[in-house]
């Protein structure tokens, strides 16, 4: 292990803890279809990603600049290094897979929504959970560390004593897509296709699932 660590930069080594939690561990979910190999290769190529993951766990509050860098990393993880915002990438992928011209979405398209990157709101909660876990790891050498409750803004929610991930701050998907799915179920015995017109900006905002306004993880 010492020889392996010496063959890498100190920055890369210290960033691996954050990357491990972010890409999936016992207490943080993983992104569907996204393993750790591509994540590590992407991390090795960009020091800004390494600095962002290195900072996870240093504080219980995550800096917005760190969130922005990890959001950009997520876009790279989903195969688009030119896009910096996951909401935009979700729209692009959705339009490519089950859209046509003029931002038309068809319910007949065979597309797994879980393969989309997480929306901004869901990604942010996932980052909070990852930061919390790394924070616990980084304080493992302290006899009695001061650790906040996981449901105190750290990506978790507690109900009746049961702790569960807080997936997003709003709805899981925009109402337009819910309508498509409901119509699809109702017309499952017919071959009639239905389409819905959506403006690009409306879909991006709807995809945000943030009551104010963007895999844990959404796509877990």
Protein backbone atom coordinates (compact mmCIF):
# COMPACT_ATOMS: atom_id res chain seq x y z
CA UNK A 1 0.00 0.00 0.00
CA UNK A 2 2.87 2.36 0.78
CA UNK A 3 4.45 1.77 -2.62
CA UNK A 4 1.10 2.28 -4.33
CA UNK A 5 0.52 5.55 -2.46
CA UNK A 6 4.01 6.77 -3.31
CA UNK A 7 3.34 6.15 -7.00
CA UNK A 8 0.46 8.66 -6.87
CA UNK A 9 0.30 12.30 -5.82
CA UNK A 10 -0.68 13.10 -2.22
CA UNK A 11 -3.69 15.05 -3.54
CA UNK A 12 -5.00 12.05 -5.47
CA UNK A 13 -4.54 9.77 -2.47
CA UNK A 14 -6.42 12.05 -0.10
CA UNK A 15 -9.27 12.45 -2.59
CA UNK A 16 -9.97 8.72 -2.85
CA UNK A 17 -11.90 8.63 0.43
CA UNK A 18 -14.43 11.13 -0.86
CA UNK A 19 -14.66 9.41 -4.24
CA UNK A 20 -15.33 6.05 -2.59
CA UNK A 21 -18.26 7.40 -0.57
CA UNK A 22 -19.64 9.36 -3.53
CA UNK A 23 -19.59 6.40 -5.94
CA UNK A 24 -21.16 4.02 -3.43
CA UNK A 25 -20.38 2.53 -0.04
CA UNK A 26 -22.31 0.85 2.78
CA UNK A 27 -24.05 4.08 3.77
CA UNK A 28 -24.26 5.89 0.41
CA UNK A 29 -25.92 4.55 -2.69
CA UNK A 30 -24.24 4.20 -6.08
CA UNK A 31 -25.23 5.52 -9.49
CA UNK A 32 -26.91 2.90 -11.63
CA UNK A 33 -24.51 1.42 -14.16
CA UNK A 34 -21.61 3.59 -13.03
CA UNK A 35 -18.75 1.69 -11.48
CA UNK A 36 -15.67 2.96 -9.74
CA UNK A 37 -13.14 2.33 -12.52
CA UNK A 38 -14.32 5.16 -14.78
CA UNK A 39 -14.71 7.40 -11.76
CA UNK A 40 -11.10 6.84 -10.71
CA UNK A 41 -9.82 7.43 -14.25
CA UNK A 42 -11.78 10.67 -14.48
CA UNK A 43 -10.46 11.72 -11.07
CA UNK A 44 -6.86 11.10 -12.11
CA UNK A 45 -7.17 13.42 -15.12
CA UNK A 46 -8.43 16.55 -13.34
CA UNK A 47 -6.91 18.09 -10.22
CA UNK A 48 -9.98 20.25 -9.64
CA UNK A 49 -11.97 17.05 -9.09
CA UNK A 50 -9.30 15.78 -6.72
CA UNK A 51 -9.39 19.00 -4.69
CA UNK A 52 -13.18 18.81 -4.46
CA UNK A 53 -13.27 15.23 -3.20
CA UNK A 54 -10.35 15.91 -0.87
CA UNK A 55 -12.45 18.54 0.91
CA UNK A 56 -15.37 16.20 1.58
CA UNK A 57 -15.65 15.47 5.28
CA UNK A 58 -13.43 18.35 6.43
CA UNK A 59 -16.54 20.23 7.50
CA UNK A 60 -20.13 19.15 8.07
CA UNK A 61 -21.25 21.91 5.68
CA UNK A 62 -20.33 21.46 2.02
CA UNK A 63 -19.03 24.50 0.16
CA UNK A 64 -21.04 25.46 -2.95
CA UNK A 65 -17.88 25.49 -5.06
CA UNK A 66 -17.22 21.88 -4.04
CA UNK A 67 -20.77 20.96 -5.03
CA UNK A 68 -20.30 22.66 -8.41
CA UNK A 69 -17.06 20.74 -9.08
CA UNK A 70 -18.65 17.43 -8.10
CA UNK A 71 -21.63 18.23 -10.31
CA UNK A 72 -19.24 18.74 -13.21
CA UNK A 73 -17.56 15.45 -12.28
CA UNK A 74 -20.95 13.73 -12.40
CA UNK A 75 -21.48 14.99 -15.95
CA UNK A 76 -18.12 13.48 -16.89
CA UNK A 77 -19.12 10.24 -15.20
CA UNK A 78 -22.22 10.16 -17.43
CA UNK A 79 -20.12 10.69 -20.55
CA UNK A 80 -20.44 14.41 -21.25
CA UNK A 81 -17.43 16.50 -20.17
CA UNK A 82 -18.71 19.52 -22.11
CA UNK A 83 -21.76 19.94 -19.88
CA UNK A 84 -21.36 21.32 -16.38
CA UNK A 85 -24.96 21.05 -15.11
CA UNK A 86 -26.73 17.75 -14.51
CA UNK A 87 -30.15 19.22 -15.25
CA UNK A 88 -29.03 20.22 -18.72
CA UNK A 89 -27.48 16.79 -19.25
CA UNK A 90 -30.70 15.09 -18.14
CA UNK A 91 -32.66 17.12 -20.67
CA UNK A 92 -30.18 16.38 -23.46
CA UNK A 93 -30.18 12.64 -22.75
CA UNK A 94 -33.95 12.47 -22.41
CA UNK A 95 -34.51 14.36 -25.64
CA UNK A 96 -31.98 12.15 -27.46
CA UNK A 97 -33.42 8.86 -26.22
CA UNK A 98 -37.16 9.47 -26.31
CA UNK A 99 -37.65 12.74 -28.08
CA UNK A 100 -37.98 13.97 -31.59
CA UNK A 101 -38.06 17.38 -33.13
CA UNK A 102 -39.25 20.48 -31.29
CA UNK A 103 -38.65 18.91 -27.86
CA UNK A 104 -41.41 16.31 -28.37
CA UNK A 105 -41.46 13.45 -25.87
CA UNK A 106 -43.22 10.23 -26.75
CA UNK A 107 -44.52 7.74 -24.20
CA UNK A 108 -43.80 4.92 -26.66
CA UNK A 109 -40.04 5.37 -26.29
CA UNK A 110 -38.37 2.45 -24.53
CA UNK A 111 -36.05 4.27 -22.14
CA UNK A 112 -34.96 3.54 -18.58
CA UNK A 113 -35.24 6.80 -16.62
CA UNK A 114 -32.86 5.37 -14.02
CA UNK A 115 -30.06 5.67 -16.57
CA UNK A 116 -30.36 9.46 -16.44
CA UNK A 117 -27.94 11.38 -14.23
CA UNK A 118 -29.42 12.66 -10.97
CA UNK A 119 -31.08 16.05 -10.96
CA UNK A 120 -29.34 18.86 -9.12
CA UNK A 121 -31.49 18.56 -6.01
CA UNK A 122 -30.99 14.80 -5.71
CA UNK A 123 -27.26 15.10 -6.42
CA UNK A 124 -26.90 17.70 -3.71
CA UNK A 125 -28.50 15.41 -1.11
CA UNK A 126 -26.21 12.59 -2.25
CA UNK A 127 -23.20 14.85 -1.80
CA UNK A 128 -24.42 15.72 1.72
CA UNK A 129 -24.63 12.01 2.59
CA UNK A 130 -21.19 11.36 1.13
CA UNK A 131 -19.74 14.31 3.02
CA UNK A 132 -21.29 13.07 6.26
CA UNK A 133 -19.84 9.59 5.85
CA UNK A 134 -16.38 10.89 4.97
CA UNK A 135 -16.59 13.22 7.95
CA UNK A 136 -17.18 10.24 10.21
CA UNK A 137 -14.25 8.38 8.63
CA UNK A 138 -11.90 11.34 8.99
CA UNK A 139 -12.68 11.55 12.71
CA UNK A 140 -12.26 7.83 13.39
CA UNK A 141 -9.02 8.51 15.28
CA UNK A 142 -10.78 10.77 17.79
CA UNK A 143 -12.00 9.05 20.94
CA UNK A 144 -15.20 11.06 21.29
CA UNK A 145 -15.74 13.04 18.09
CA UNK A 146 -18.49 15.65 17.85
CA UNK A 147 -20.71 14.32 15.07
CA UNK A 148 -24.05 15.93 14.18
CA UNK A 149 -27.18 13.91 13.58
CA UNK A 150 -27.47 12.53 10.04
CA UNK A 151 -30.92 14.08 9.63
CA UNK A 152 -29.62 17.53 10.55
CA UNK A 153 -29.04 18.74 7.00
CA UNK A 154 -26.77 15.82 6.10
CA UNK A 155 -28.90 14.14 3.45
CA UNK A 156 -30.98 11.94 5.73
CA UNK A 157 -34.46 12.12 7.15
CA UNK A 158 -35.93 10.44 10.22
CA UNK A 159 -39.52 9.30 10.55
CA UNK A 160 -40.81 7.28 13.51
CA UNK A 161 -37.25 6.47 14.47
CA UNK A 162 -36.39 5.09 11.04
CA UNK A 163 -33.57 6.80 9.17
CA UNK A 164 -33.94 7.06 5.39
CA UNK A 165 -32.11 8.95 2.66
CA UNK A 166 -33.54 12.31 1.73
CA UNK A 167 -33.68 11.86 -2.01
CA UNK A 168 -34.65 15.39 -3.09
CA UNK A 169 -36.10 18.64 -1.82
CA UNK A 170 -39.12 18.39 -4.13
CA UNK A 171 -40.96 16.07 -6.46
CA UNK A 172 -39.10 13.11 -7.97
CA UNK A 173 -40.07 14.04 -11.53
CA UNK A 174 -41.95 16.90 -13.22
CA UNK A 175 -45.72 16.64 -13.56
CA UNK A 176 -45.48 16.42 -17.36
CA UNK A 177 -43.64 13.10 -17.12
CA UNK A 178 -46.01 11.82 -14.45
CA UNK A 179 -48.90 12.51 -16.82
CA UNK A 180 -47.15 10.54 -19.58
CA UNK A 181 -46.60 7.56 -17.30
CA UNK A 182 -50.19 7.60 -16.03
CA UNK A 183 -51.53 7.78 -19.57
CA UNK A 184 -49.20 4.99 -20.62
CA UNK A 185 -50.56 2.73 -17.88
CA UNK A 186 -54.13 3.57 -18.81
CA UNK A 187 -53.54 2.85 -22.49
CA UNK A 188 -51.31 -0.20 -22.00
CA UNK A 189 -53.66 -2.36 -24.11
CA UNK A 190 -53.55 -0.05 -27.11
CA UNK A 191 -50.89 0.78 -29.65
CA UNK A 192 -51.73 4.48 -29.79
CA UNK A 193 -48.75 6.76 -29.27
CA UNK A 194 -49.13 10.01 -27.37
CA UNK A 195 -46.78 12.94 -27.39
CA UNK A 196 -46.30 16.00 -25.27
CA UNK A 197 -44.71 19.29 -26.22
CA UNK A 198 -42.23 20.73 -23.73
CA UNK A 199 -40.12 23.83 -23.91
CA UNK A 200 -36.42 23.17 -23.24
CA UNK A 201 -36.23 25.58 -20.33
CA UNK A 202 -39.46 24.30 -18.78
CA UNK A 203 -38.15 20.75 -18.79
CA UNK A 204 -34.83 21.78 -17.28
CA UNK A 205 -36.63 23.59 -14.47
CA UNK A 206 -39.05 20.71 -14.01
CA UNK A 207 -36.22 18.22 -13.89
CA UNK A 208 -34.66 20.16 -11.04
CA UNK A 209 -37.18 18.73 -8.55
CA UNK A 210 -36.14 21.63 -6.36
CA UNK A 211 -39.09 23.41 -4.81
CA UNK A 212 -37.20 26.68 -5.10
CA UNK A 213 -36.14 26.45 -8.61
CA UNK A 214 -31.24 20.69 -10.20
CA UNK A 215 -27.55 9.46 -7.99
CA UNK A 216 -28.05 9.60 -4.01
CA UNK A 217 -28.87 9.74 -5.68
CA UNK A 218 -31.31 9.71 -7.43
CA UNK A 219 -30.63 7.03 -9.70
CA UNK A 220 -29.89 4.44 -7.11
